[in-house]
Amino acid sequence: MGVGLGRRADQIGALLVGTAAPSGPRYAGQVGSGLTEAMLDRLATALALLRRADPPFRDVPAEVGRTAVWVEPQMIADVEFGSRTTEGRLRHPIFKGLRLDLAPADTHRDVQG
């Protein structure tokens, strides 16, 4: 998760999201839009239990990782987005909620990019 700035200085600023891949989780971008105050509180409590020292993504950009707080990739976010960049990053992502019916392995993408 990304550390917040401005009015979110003391809470989650954005979620760093990824998808499953044979070589390990791949970074897919950040999502901050769509996160309500209630959801931010809920996520902060749940994610605090999943903290880890290093990133779960092998391909997270250094500028993103510098301020991130890392967690085990065990929760599934339902994210709507406009398209993907050539690197496979989400464009215009909006958080829609959590998916309790899926496991991390269910997020695998067959098409790269």
PDB file of N, CA and C in Angstrom:
ATOM      1  N   MET A   1       0.839  -1.173   0.000  1.00  0.00           N
ATOM      2  CA  MET A   1       0.000   0.000   0.000  1.00  0.00           C
ATOM      3  C   MET A   1       0.875   1.223   0.000  1.00  0.00           C
ATOM      4  N   GLY A   2       0.419   2.268  -0.626  1.00  0.00           N
ATOM      5  CA  GLY A   2       1.157   3.518  -0.668  1.00  0.00           C
ATOM      6  C   GLY A   2       0.774   4.412   0.495  1.00  0.00           C
ATOM      7  N   VAL A   3       1.739   5.115   1.033  1.00  0.00           N
ATOM      8  CA  VAL A   3       1.501   6.034   2.135  1.00  0.00           C
ATOM      9  C   VAL A   3       0.805   7.268   1.595  1.00  0.00           C
ATOM     10  N   GLY A   4      -0.210   7.744   2.328  1.00  0.00           N
ATOM     11  CA  GLY A   4      -0.993   8.880   1.873  1.00  0.00           C
ATOM     12  C   GLY A   4      -0.305  10.223   2.025  1.00  0.00           C
ATOM     13  N   LEU A   5      -0.755  11.156   1.234  1.00  0.00           N
ATOM     14  CA  LEU A   5      -0.292  12.542   1.279  1.00  0.00           C
ATOM     15  C   LEU A   5      -1.513  13.441   1.433  1.00  0.00           C
ATOM     16  N   GLY A   6      -1.298  14.698   1.765  1.00  0.00           N
ATOM     17  CA  GLY A   6      -2.405  15.641   1.869  1.00  0.00           C
ATOM     18  C   GLY A   6      -3.415  15.205   2.905  1.00  0.00           C
ATOM     19  N   ARG A   7      -4.701  15.177   2.532  1.00  0.00           N
ATOM     20  CA  ARG A   7      -5.739  14.812   3.492  1.00  0.00           C
ATOM     21  C   ARG A   7      -5.671  13.342   3.902  1.00  0.00           C
ATOM     22  N   ARG A   8      -4.910  12.523   3.174  1.00  0.00           N
ATOM     23  CA  ARG A   8      -4.735  11.119   3.538  1.00  0.00           C
ATOM     24  C   ARG A   8      -3.370  10.870   4.181  1.00  0.00           C
ATOM     25  N   ALA A   9      -2.778  11.888   4.754  1.00  0.00           N
ATOM     26  CA  ALA A   9      -1.412  11.782   5.292  1.00  0.00           C
ATOM     27  C   ALA A   9      -1.273  10.712   6.374  1.00  0.00           C
ATOM     28  N   ASP A  10      -2.321  10.448   7.122  1.00  0.00           N
ATOM     29  CA  ASP A  10      -2.238   9.471   8.205  1.00  0.00           C
ATOM     30  C   ASP A  10      -2.935   8.157   7.873  1.00  0.00           C
ATOM     31  N   GLN A  11      -3.157   7.910   6.600  1.00  0.00           N
ATOM     32  CA  GLN A  11      -3.829   6.676   6.211  1.00  0.00           C
ATOM     33  C   GLN A  11      -3.307   6.197   4.857  1.00  0.00           C
ATOM     34  N   ILE A  12      -3.914   5.175   4.339  1.00  0.00           N
ATOM     35  CA  ILE A  12      -3.525   4.616   3.045  1.00  0.00           C
ATOM     36  C   ILE A  12      -3.798   5.659   1.959  1.00  0.00           C
ATOM     37  N   GLY A  13      -2.800   5.912   1.117  1.00  0.00           N
ATOM     38  CA  GLY A  13      -2.980   6.836   0.002  1.00  0.00           C
ATOM     39  C   GLY A  13      -3.500   6.116  -1.226  1.00  0.00           C
ATOM     40  N   ALA A  14      -3.007   4.908  -1.454  1.00  0.00           N
ATOM     41  CA  ALA A  14      -3.416   4.094  -2.600  1.00  0.00           C
ATOM     42  C   ALA A  14      -3.029   2.654  -2.317  1.00  0.00           C
ATOM     43  N   LEU A  15      -3.697   1.753  -2.982  1.00  0.00           N
ATOM     44  CA  LEU A  15      -3.331   0.337  -2.920  1.00  0.00           C
ATOM     45  C   LEU A  15      -2.442   0.031  -4.105  1.00  0.00           C
ATOM     46  N   LEU A  16      -1.353  -0.661  -3.864  1.00  0.00           N
ATOM     47  CA  LEU A  16      -0.509  -1.161  -4.941  1.00  0.00           C
ATOM     48  C   LEU A  16      -1.055  -2.536  -5.279  1.00  0.00           C
ATOM     49  N   VAL A  17      -1.457  -2.732  -6.526  1.00  0.00           N
ATOM     50  CA  VAL A  17      -2.124  -3.967  -6.912  1.00  0.00           C
ATOM     51  C   VAL A  17      -1.304  -4.734  -7.941  1.00  0.00           C
ATOM     52  N   GLY A  18      -1.586  -6.001  -8.033  1.00  0.00           N
ATOM     53  CA  GLY A  18      -0.877  -6.847  -8.988  1.00  0.00           C
ATOM     54  C   GLY A  18      -1.733  -8.015  -9.412  1.00  0.00           C
ATOM     55  N   THR A  19      -1.182  -8.821 -10.286  1.00  0.00           N
ATOM     56  CA  THR A  19      -1.847 -10.036 -10.749  1.00  0.00           C
ATOM     57  C   THR A  19      -0.898 -11.209 -10.582  1.00  0.00           C
ATOM     58  N   ALA A  20      -1.463 -12.391 -10.480  1.00  0.00           N
ATOM     59  CA  ALA A  20      -0.653 -13.597 -10.350  1.00  0.00           C
ATOM     60  C   ALA A  20       0.033 -13.903 -11.677  1.00  0.00           C
ATOM     61  N   ALA A  21       1.228 -14.457 -11.591  1.00  0.00           N
ATOM     62  CA  ALA A  21       1.985 -14.883 -12.771  1.00  0.00           C
ATOM     63  C   ALA A  21       2.828 -16.088 -12.369  1.00  0.00           C
ATOM     64  N   PRO A  22       3.215 -16.917 -13.326  1.00  0.00           N
ATOM     65  CA  PRO A  22       4.026 -18.092 -13.001  1.00  0.00           C
ATOM     66  C   PRO A  22       5.317 -17.749 -12.253  1.00  0.00           C
ATOM     67  N   SER A  23       5.888 -16.585 -12.531  1.00  0.00           N
ATOM     68  CA  SER A  23       7.137 -16.191 -11.883  1.00  0.00           C
ATOM     69  C   SER A  23       6.909 -15.435 -10.580  1.00  0.00           C
ATOM     70  N   GLY A  24       5.673 -15.285 -10.162  1.00  0.00           N
ATOM     71  CA  GLY A  24       5.336 -14.542  -8.956  1.00  0.00           C
ATOM     72  C   GLY A  24       4.453 -13.361  -9.291  1.00  0.00           C
ATOM     73  N   PRO A  25       3.892 -12.698  -8.274  1.00  0.00           N
ATOM     74  CA  PRO A  25       2.983 -11.578  -8.526  1.00  0.00           C
ATOM     75  C   PRO A  25       3.633 -10.468  -9.347  1.00  0.00           C
ATOM     76  N   ARG A  26       2.879  -9.939 -10.321  1.00  0.00           N
ATOM     77  CA  ARG A  26       3.350  -8.820 -11.154  1.00  0.00           C
ATOM     78  C   ARG A  26       2.634  -7.554 -10.734  1.00  0.00           C
ATOM     79  N   TYR A  27       3.384  -6.475 -10.616  1.00  0.00           N
ATOM     80  CA  TYR A  27       2.836  -5.176 -10.265  1.00  0.00           C
ATOM     81  C   TYR A  27       1.941  -4.677 -11.397  1.00  0.00           C
ATOM     82  N   ALA A  28       0.738  -4.183 -11.049  1.00  0.00           N
ATOM     83  CA  ALA A  28      -0.197  -3.691 -12.059  1.00  0.00           C
ATOM     84  C   ALA A  28      -0.544  -2.216 -11.881  1.00  0.00           C
ATOM     85  N   GLY A  29      -0.077  -1.600 -10.812  1.00  0.00           N
ATOM     86  CA  GLY A  29      -0.333  -0.176 -10.625  1.00  0.00           C
ATOM     87  C   GLY A  29      -0.861   0.158  -9.249  1.00  0.00           C
ATOM     88  N   GLN A  30      -1.336   1.395  -9.133  1.00  0.00           N
ATOM     89  CA  GLN A  30      -1.872   1.913  -7.880  1.00  0.00           C
ATOM     90  C   GLN A  30      -3.321   2.312  -8.086  1.00  0.00           C
ATOM     91  N   VAL A  31      -4.139   2.097  -7.066  1.00  0.00           N
ATOM     92  CA  VAL A  31      -5.526   2.551  -7.125  1.00  0.00           C
ATOM     93  C   VAL A  31      -5.848   3.280  -5.826  1.00  0.00           C
ATOM     94  N   GLY A  32      -6.303   4.516  -5.974  1.00  0.00           N
ATOM     95  CA  GLY A  32      -6.704   5.330  -4.832  1.00  0.00           C
ATOM     96  C   GLY A  32      -8.130   5.829  -4.985  1.00  0.00           C
ATOM     97  N   SER A  33      -8.555   6.003  -6.222  1.00  0.00           N
ATOM     98  CA  SER A  33      -9.928   6.450  -6.487  1.00  0.00           C
ATOM     99  C   SER A  33     -10.914   5.368  -6.074  1.00  0.00           C
ATOM    100  N   GLY A  34     -12.022   5.794  -5.513  1.00  0.00           N
ATOM    101  CA  GLY A  34     -13.062   4.861  -5.120  1.00  0.00           C
ATOM    102  C   GLY A  34     -12.945   4.366  -3.690  1.00  0.00           C
ATOM    103  N   LEU A  35     -11.858   4.685  -3.017  1.00  0.00           N
ATOM    104  CA  LEU A  35     -11.675   4.248  -1.628  1.00  0.00           C
ATOM    105  C   LEU A  35     -12.394   5.214  -0.690  1.00  0.00           C
ATOM    106  N   THR A  36     -13.406   4.734   0.011  1.00  0.00           N
ATOM    107  CA  THR A  36     -14.138   5.557   0.973  1.00  0.00           C
ATOM    108  C   THR A  36     -13.386   5.588   2.295  1.00  0.00           C
ATOM    109  N   GLU A  37     -13.738   6.526   3.156  1.00  0.00           N
ATOM    110  CA  GLU A  37     -13.126   6.599   4.486  1.00  0.00           C
ATOM    111  C   GLU A  37     -13.360   5.301   5.252  1.00  0.00           C
ATOM    112  N   ALA A  38     -14.561   4.750   5.162  1.00  0.00           N
ATOM    113  CA  ALA A  38     -14.874   3.501   5.859  1.00  0.00           C
ATOM    114  C   ALA A  38     -14.014   2.358   5.325  1.00  0.00           C
ATOM    115  N   MET A  39     -13.841   2.287   4.008  1.00  0.00           N
ATOM    116  CA  MET A  39     -13.027   1.220   3.428  1.00  0.00           C
ATOM    117  C   MET A  39     -11.558   1.411   3.791  1.00  0.00           C
ATOM    118  N   LEU A  40     -11.082   2.643   3.810  1.00  0.00           N
ATOM    119  CA  LEU A  40      -9.697   2.906   4.203  1.00  0.00           C
ATOM    120  C   LEU A  40      -9.440   2.428   5.626  1.00  0.00           C
ATOM    121  N   ASP A  41     -10.380   2.678   6.521  1.00  0.00           N
ATOM    122  CA  ASP A  41     -10.243   2.206   7.901  1.00  0.00           C
ATOM    123  C   ASP A  41     -10.232   0.686   7.957  1.00  0.00           C
ATOM    124  N   ARG A  42     -11.142   0.060   7.224  1.00  0.00           N
ATOM    125  CA  ARG A  42     -11.223  -1.406   7.191  1.00  0.00           C
ATOM    126  C   ARG A  42      -9.941  -2.009   6.633  1.00  0.00           C
ATOM    127  N   LEU A  43      -9.442  -1.448   5.544  1.00  0.00           N
ATOM    128  CA  LEU A  43      -8.216  -1.948   4.929  1.00  0.00           C
ATOM    129  C   LEU A  43      -7.008  -1.758   5.840  1.00  0.00           C
ATOM    130  N   ALA A  44      -6.922  -0.616   6.507  1.00  0.00           N
ATOM    131  CA  ALA A  44      -5.792  -0.361   7.400  1.00  0.00           C
ATOM    132  C   ALA A  44      -5.713  -1.424   8.482  1.00  0.00           C
ATOM    133  N   THR A  45      -6.861  -1.785   9.042  1.00  0.00           N
ATOM    134  CA  THR A  45      -6.898  -2.811  10.090  1.00  0.00           C
ATOM    135  C   THR A  45      -6.498  -4.172   9.536  1.00  0.00           C
ATOM    136  N   ALA A  46      -7.077  -4.543   8.402  1.00  0.00           N
ATOM    137  CA  ALA A  46      -6.798  -5.866   7.811  1.00  0.00           C
ATOM    138  C   ALA A  46      -5.367  -5.975   7.306  1.00  0.00           C
ATOM    139  N   LEU A  47      -4.876  -4.931   6.637  1.00  0.00           N
ATOM    140  CA  LEU A  47      -3.543  -4.990   6.048  1.00  0.00           C
ATOM    141  C   LEU A  47      -2.432  -4.910   7.091  1.00  0.00           C
ATOM    142  N   ALA A  48      -2.723  -4.319   8.241  1.00  0.00           N
ATOM    143  CA  ALA A  48      -1.711  -4.253   9.311  1.00  0.00           C
ATOM    144  C   ALA A  48      -1.283  -5.660   9.738  1.00  0.00           C
ATOM    145  N   LEU A  49      -2.185  -6.613   9.642  1.00  0.00           N
ATOM    146  CA  LEU A  49      -1.889  -8.002  10.019  1.00  0.00           C
ATOM    147  C   LEU A  49      -1.064  -8.735   8.954  1.00  0.00           C
ATOM    148  N   LEU A  50      -0.963  -8.155   7.763  1.00  0.00           N
ATOM    149  CA  LEU A  50      -0.288  -8.812   6.643  1.00  0.00           C
ATOM    150  C   LEU A  50       1.049  -8.166   6.279  1.00  0.00           C
ATOM    151  N   ARG A  51       1.551  -7.275   7.114  1.00  0.00           N
ATOM    152  CA  ARG A  51       2.788  -6.548   6.795  1.00  0.00           C
ATOM    153  C   ARG A  51       3.964  -7.484   6.576  1.00  0.00           C
ATOM    154  N   ARG A  52       4.824  -7.065   5.674  1.00  0.00           N
ATOM    155  CA  ARG A  52       6.065  -7.781   5.394  1.00  0.00           C
ATOM    156  C   ARG A  52       7.150  -6.753   5.085  1.00  0.00           C
ATOM    157  N   ALA A  53       8.403  -7.174   5.108  1.00  0.00           N
ATOM    158  CA  ALA A  53       9.524  -6.241   4.949  1.00  0.00           C
ATOM    159  C   ALA A  53       9.845  -5.901   3.494  1.00  0.00           C
ATOM    160  N   ASP A  54       9.552  -6.805   2.580  1.00  0.00           N
ATOM    161  CA  ASP A  54       9.966  -6.618   1.193  1.00  0.00           C
ATOM    162  C   ASP A  54       8.764  -6.670   0.248  1.00  0.00           C
ATOM    163  N   PRO A  55       8.919  -6.153  -0.959  1.00  0.00           N
ATOM    164  CA  PRO A  55       7.793  -6.141  -1.898  1.00  0.00           C
ATOM    165  C   PRO A  55       7.456  -7.543  -2.414  1.00  0.00           C
ATOM    166  N   PRO A  56       6.169  -7.838  -2.573  1.00  0.00           N
ATOM    167  CA  PRO A  56       5.772  -9.113  -3.161  1.00  0.00           C
ATOM    168  C   PRO A  56       5.920  -9.113  -4.682  1.00  0.00           C
ATOM    169  N   PHE A  57       6.050  -7.913  -5.281  1.00  0.00           N
ATOM    170  CA  PHE A  57       6.190  -7.768  -6.723  1.00  0.00           C
ATOM    171  C   PHE A  57       7.662  -7.609  -7.075  1.00  0.00           C
ATOM    172  N   ARG A  58       8.142  -8.351  -8.039  1.00  0.00           N
ATOM    173  CA  ARG A  58       9.544  -8.220  -8.448  1.00  0.00           C
ATOM    174  C   ARG A  58       9.752  -7.040  -9.389  1.00  0.00           C
ATOM    175  N   ASP A  59       8.667  -6.505  -9.931  1.00  0.00           N
ATOM    176  CA  ASP A  59       8.779  -5.468 -10.964  1.00  0.00           C
ATOM    177  C   ASP A  59       8.177  -4.126 -10.565  1.00  0.00           C
ATOM    178  N   VAL A  60       8.088  -3.852  -9.278  1.00  0.00           N
ATOM    179  CA  VAL A  60       7.551  -2.559  -8.843  1.00  0.00           C
ATOM    180  C   VAL A  60       8.598  -1.465  -9.080  1.00  0.00           C
ATOM    181  N   PRO A  61       8.204  -0.339  -9.683  1.00  0.00           N
ATOM    182  CA  PRO A  61       9.160   0.739  -9.929  1.00  0.00           C
ATOM    183  C   PRO A  61       9.734   1.294  -8.617  1.00  0.00           C
ATOM    184  N   ALA A  62      11.001   1.649  -8.633  1.00  0.00           N
ATOM    185  CA  ALA A  62      11.682   2.141  -7.434  1.00  0.00           C
ATOM    186  C   ALA A  62      10.984   3.363  -6.848  1.00  0.00           C
ATOM    187  N   GLU A  63      10.515   4.275  -7.704  1.00  0.00           N
ATOM    188  CA  GLU A  63       9.870   5.481  -7.193  1.00  0.00           C
ATOM    189  C   GLU A  63       8.572   5.176  -6.459  1.00  0.00           C
ATOM    190  N   VAL A  64       7.918   4.086  -6.818  1.00  0.00           N
ATOM    191  CA  VAL A  64       6.698   3.668  -6.128  1.00  0.00           C
ATOM    192  C   VAL A  64       7.064   2.951  -4.832  1.00  0.00           C
ATOM    193  N   GLY A  65       8.028   2.093  -4.899  1.00  0.00           N
ATOM    194  CA  GLY A  65       8.419   1.286  -3.751  1.00  0.00           C
ATOM    195  C   GLY A  65       9.069   2.054  -2.619  1.00  0.00           C
ATOM    196  N   ARG A  66       9.603   3.221  -2.915  1.00  0.00           N
ATOM    197  CA  ARG A  66      10.318   4.005  -1.908  1.00  0.00           C
ATOM    198  C   ARG A  66       9.456   4.334  -0.687  1.00  0.00           C
ATOM    199  N   THR A  67       8.177   4.627  -0.883  1.00  0.00           N
ATOM    200  CA  THR A  67       7.313   5.025   0.229  1.00  0.00           C
ATOM    201  C   THR A  67       6.254   3.978   0.568  1.00  0.00           C
ATOM    202  N   ALA A  68       6.314   2.826  -0.048  1.00  0.00           N
ATOM    203  CA  ALA A  68       5.287   1.806   0.160  1.00  0.00           C
ATOM    204  C   ALA A  68       5.454   1.079   1.486  1.00  0.00           C
ATOM    205  N   VAL A  69       4.341   0.624   2.006  1.00  0.00           N
ATOM    206  CA  VAL A  69       4.303  -0.289   3.137  1.00  0.00           C
ATOM    207  C   VAL A  69       3.847  -1.616   2.544  1.00  0.00           C
ATOM    208  N   TRP A  70       4.689  -2.637   2.640  1.00  0.00           N
ATOM    209  CA  TRP A  70       4.420  -3.904   1.956  1.00  0.00           C
ATOM    210  C   TRP A  70       3.577  -4.844   2.804  1.00  0.00           C
ATOM    211  N   VAL A  71       2.708  -5.578   2.118  1.00  0.00           N
ATOM    212  CA  VAL A  71       1.868  -6.590   2.766  1.00  0.00           C
ATOM    213  C   VAL A  71       1.868  -7.855   1.921  1.00  0.00           C
ATOM    214  N   GLU A  72       1.527  -8.975   2.559  1.00  0.00           N
ATOM    215  CA  GLU A  72       1.364 -10.233   1.831  1.00  0.00           C
ATOM    216  C   GLU A  72       0.203 -10.064   0.848  1.00  0.00           C
ATOM    217  N   PRO A  73       0.350 -10.530  -0.373  1.00  0.00           N
ATOM    218  CA  PRO A  73      -0.719 -10.378  -1.375  1.00  0.00           C
ATOM    219  C   PRO A  73      -1.818 -11.421  -1.185  1.00  0.00           C
ATOM    220  N   GLN A  74      -2.658 -11.213  -0.186  1.00  0.00           N
ATOM    221  CA  GLN A  74      -3.708 -12.179   0.138  1.00  0.00           C
ATOM    222  C   GLN A  74      -5.120 -11.664  -0.077  1.00  0.00           C
ATOM    223  N   MET A  75      -5.278 -10.370  -0.275  1.00  0.00           N
ATOM    224  CA  MET A  75      -6.606  -9.795  -0.476  1.00  0.00           C
ATOM    225  C   MET A  75      -6.793  -9.457  -1.949  1.00  0.00           C
ATOM    226  N   ILE A  76      -8.013  -9.611  -2.425  1.00  0.00           N
ATOM    227  CA  ILE A  76      -8.322  -9.343  -3.825  1.00  0.00           C
ATOM    228  C   ILE A  76      -9.190  -8.097  -3.929  1.00  0.00           C
ATOM    229  N   ALA A  77      -8.698  -7.111  -4.660  1.00  0.00           N
ATOM    230  CA  ALA A  77      -9.450  -5.881  -4.912  1.00  0.00           C
ATOM    231  C   ALA A  77     -10.167  -6.002  -6.251  1.00  0.00           C
ATOM    232  N   ASP A  78     -11.399  -5.562  -6.273  1.00  0.00           N
ATOM    233  CA  ASP A  78     -12.153  -5.469  -7.522  1.00  0.00           C
ATOM    234  C   ASP A  78     -11.884  -4.060  -8.056  1.00  0.00           C
ATOM    235  N   VAL A  79     -11.198  -3.973  -9.189  1.00  0.00           N
ATOM    236  CA  VAL A  79     -10.770  -2.693  -9.739  1.00  0.00           C
ATOM    237  C   VAL A  79     -11.264  -2.553 -11.170  1.00  0.00           C
ATOM    238  N   GLU A  80     -11.962  -1.460 -11.421  1.00  0.00           N
ATOM    239  CA  GLU A  80     -12.383  -1.125 -12.784  1.00  0.00           C
ATOM    240  C   GLU A  80     -11.315  -0.188 -13.357  1.00  0.00           C
ATOM    241  N   PHE A  81     -10.983  -0.352 -14.630  1.00  0.00           N
ATOM    242  CA  PHE A  81      -9.964   0.503 -15.229  1.00  0.00           C
ATOM    243  C   PHE A  81     -10.251   0.722 -16.702  1.00  0.00           C
ATOM    244  N   GLY A  82      -9.665   1.795 -17.243  1.00  0.00           N
ATOM    245  CA  GLY A  82      -9.913   2.147 -18.637  1.00  0.00           C
ATOM    246  C   GLY A  82      -9.177   1.263 -19.620  1.00  0.00           C
ATOM    247  N   SER A  83      -7.900   1.043 -19.386  1.00  0.00           N
ATOM    248  CA  SER A  83      -7.073   0.219 -20.259  1.00  0.00           C
ATOM    249  C   SER A  83      -5.786  -0.104 -19.513  1.00  0.00           C
ATOM    250  N   ARG A  84      -4.838  -0.707 -20.225  1.00  0.00           N
ATOM    251  CA  ARG A  84      -3.523  -1.017 -19.656  1.00  0.00           C
ATOM    252  C   ARG A  84      -2.444  -0.355 -20.509  1.00  0.00           C
ATOM    253  N   THR A  85      -1.351   0.002 -19.853  1.00  0.00           N
ATOM    254  CA  THR A  85      -0.201   0.529 -20.580  1.00  0.00           C
ATOM    255  C   THR A  85       0.522  -0.634 -21.250  1.00  0.00           C
ATOM    256  N   THR A  86       1.539  -0.339 -22.044  1.00  0.00           N
ATOM    257  CA  THR A  86       2.314  -1.410 -22.684  1.00  0.00           C
ATOM    258  C   THR A  86       3.049  -2.260 -21.650  1.00  0.00           C
ATOM    259  N   GLU A  87       3.294  -1.698 -20.446  1.00  0.00           N
ATOM    260  CA  GLU A  87       3.937  -2.458 -19.365  1.00  0.00           C
ATOM    261  C   GLU A  87       2.933  -3.274 -18.561  1.00  0.00           C
ATOM    262  N   GLY A  88       1.651  -3.164 -18.892  1.00  0.00           N
ATOM    263  CA  GLY A  88       0.619  -3.899 -18.173  1.00  0.00           C
ATOM    264  C   GLY A  88       0.055  -3.162 -16.973  1.00  0.00           C
ATOM    265  N   ARG A  89       0.390  -1.886 -16.814  1.00  0.00           N
ATOM    266  CA  ARG A  89      -0.123  -1.085 -15.700  1.00  0.00           C
ATOM    267  C   ARG A  89      -1.542  -0.611 -16.006  1.00  0.00           C
ATOM    268  N   LEU A  90      -2.342  -0.493 -14.958  1.00  0.00           N
ATOM    269  CA  LEU A  90      -3.723  -0.051 -15.106  1.00  0.00           C
ATOM    270  C   LEU A  90      -3.795   1.447 -15.355  1.00  0.00           C
ATOM    271  N   ARG A  91      -4.670   1.836 -16.274  1.00  0.00           N
ATOM    272  CA  ARG A  91      -4.933   3.257 -16.520  1.00  0.00           C
ATOM    273  C   ARG A  91      -6.289   3.597 -15.929  1.00  0.00           C
ATOM    274  N   HIS A  92      -6.347   4.694 -15.202  1.00  0.00           N
ATOM    275  CA  HIS A  92      -7.589   5.200 -14.613  1.00  0.00           C
ATOM    276  C   HIS A  92      -8.294   4.157 -13.746  1.00  0.00           C
ATOM    277  N   PRO A  93      -7.566   3.528 -12.804  1.00  0.00           N
ATOM    278  CA  PRO A  93      -8.200   2.506 -11.970  1.00  0.00           C
ATOM    279  C   PRO A  93      -9.105   3.103 -10.892  1.00  0.00           C
ATOM    280  N   ILE A  94     -10.208   2.409 -10.619  1.00  0.00           N
ATOM    281  CA  ILE A  94     -11.153   2.809  -9.579  1.00  0.00           C
ATOM    282  C   ILE A  94     -11.445   1.581  -8.719  1.00  0.00           C
ATOM    283  N   PHE A  95     -11.246   1.713  -7.431  1.00  0.00           N
ATOM    284  CA  PHE A  95     -11.525   0.633  -6.489  1.00  0.00           C
ATOM    285  C   PHE A  95     -13.027   0.452  -6.362  1.00  0.00           C
ATOM    286  N   LYS A  96     -13.505  -0.790  -6.527  1.00  0.00           N
ATOM    287  CA  LYS A  96     -14.929  -1.094  -6.438  1.00  0.00           C
ATOM    288  C   LYS A  96     -15.284  -1.886  -5.188  1.00  0.00           C
ATOM    289  N   GLY A  97     -14.303  -2.523  -4.576  1.00  0.00           N
ATOM    290  CA  GLY A  97     -14.569  -3.312  -3.380  1.00  0.00           C
ATOM    291  C   GLY A  97     -13.588  -4.461  -3.262  1.00  0.00           C
ATOM    292  N   LEU A  98     -13.832  -5.309  -2.286  1.00  0.00           N
ATOM    293  CA  LEU A  98     -13.012  -6.504  -2.088  1.00  0.00           C
ATOM    294  C   LEU A  98     -13.753  -7.715  -2.609  1.00  0.00           C
ATOM    295  N   ARG A  99     -13.014  -8.661  -3.148  1.00  0.00           N
ATOM    296  CA  ARG A  99     -13.585  -9.914  -3.643  1.00  0.00           C
ATOM    297  C   ARG A  99     -13.233 -11.013  -2.652  1.00  0.00           C
ATOM    298  N   LEU A 100     -14.202 -11.498  -1.941  1.00  0.00           N
ATOM    299  CA  LEU A 100     -13.978 -12.560  -0.968  1.00  0.00           C
ATOM    300  C   LEU A 100     -14.123 -13.937  -1.593  1.00  0.00           C
ATOM    301  N   ASP A 101     -14.594 -13.977  -2.842  1.00  0.00           N
ATOM    302  CA  ASP A 101     -14.829 -15.247  -3.524  1.00  0.00           C
ATOM    303  C   ASP A 101     -13.641 -15.704  -4.367  1.00  0.00           C
ATOM    304  N   LEU A 102     -12.553 -14.935  -4.381  1.00  0.00           N
ATOM    305  CA  LEU A 102     -11.389 -15.269  -5.196  1.00  0.00           C
ATOM    306  C   LEU A 102     -10.140 -15.404  -4.341  1.00  0.00           C
ATOM    307  N   ALA A 103      -9.198 -16.180  -4.845  1.00  0.00           N
ATOM    308  CA  ALA A 103      -7.874 -16.320  -4.230  1.00  0.00           C
ATOM    309  C   ALA A 103      -6.866 -15.589  -5.116  1.00  0.00           C
ATOM    310  N   PRO A 104      -5.706 -15.229  -4.572  1.00  0.00           N
ATOM    311  CA  PRO A 104      -4.706 -14.526  -5.392  1.00  0.00           C
ATOM    312  C   PRO A 104      -4.384 -15.230  -6.721  1.00  0.00           C
ATOM    313  N   ALA A 105      -4.314 -16.543  -6.721  1.00  0.00           N
ATOM    314  CA  ALA A 105      -4.018 -17.273  -7.967  1.00  0.00           C
ATOM    315  C   ALA A 105      -5.078 -17.058  -9.042  1.00  0.00           C
ATOM    316  N   ASP A 106      -6.293 -16.688  -8.651  1.00  0.00           N
ATOM    317  CA  ASP A 106      -7.367 -16.452  -9.606  1.00  0.00           C
ATOM    318  C   ASP A 106      -7.196 -15.168 -10.404  1.00  0.00           C
ATOM    319  N   THR A 107      -6.206 -14.359 -10.055  1.00  0.00           N
ATOM    320  CA  THR A 107      -6.000 -13.085 -10.746  1.00  0.00           C
ATOM    321  C   THR A 107      -5.051 -13.189 -11.913  1.00  0.00           C
ATOM    322  N   HIS A 108      -4.615 -14.378 -12.258  1.00  0.00           N
ATOM    323  CA  HIS A 108      -3.666 -14.581 -13.364  1.00  0.00           C
ATOM    324  C   HIS A 108      -4.240 -14.055 -14.672  1.00  0.00           C
ATOM    325  N   ARG A 109      -3.409 -13.362 -15.432  1.00  0.00           N
ATOM    326  CA  ARG A 109      -3.803 -12.859 -16.748  1.00  0.00           C
ATOM    327  C   ARG A 109      -3.157 -13.729 -17.815  1.00  0.00           C
ATOM    328  N   ASP A 110      -3.947 -14.185 -18.772  1.00  0.00           N
ATOM    329  CA  ASP A 110      -3.414 -14.993 -19.868  1.00  0.00           C
ATOM    330  C   ASP A 110      -2.693 -14.131 -20.897  1.00  0.00           C
ATOM    331  N   VAL A 111      -3.125 -12.887 -21.056  1.00  0.00           N
ATOM    332  CA  VAL A 111      -2.545 -11.993 -22.051  1.00  0.00           C
ATOM    333  C   VAL A 111      -1.650 -10.997 -21.322  1.00  0.00           C
ATOM    334  N   GLN A 112      -0.422 -10.857 -21.758  1.00  0.00           N
ATOM    335  CA  GLN A 112       0.505  -9.910 -21.145  1.00  0.00           C
ATOM    336  C   GLN A 112       0.374  -8.554 -21.818  1.00  0.00           C
ATOM    337  N   GLY A 113       0.560  -7.477 -20.991  1.00  0.00           N
ATOM    338  CA  GLY A 113       0.584  -6.123 -21.528  1.00  0.00           C
ATOM    339  C   GLY A 113      -0.699  -5.465 -21.655  1.00  0.00           C
TER     340      GLY A 113
END
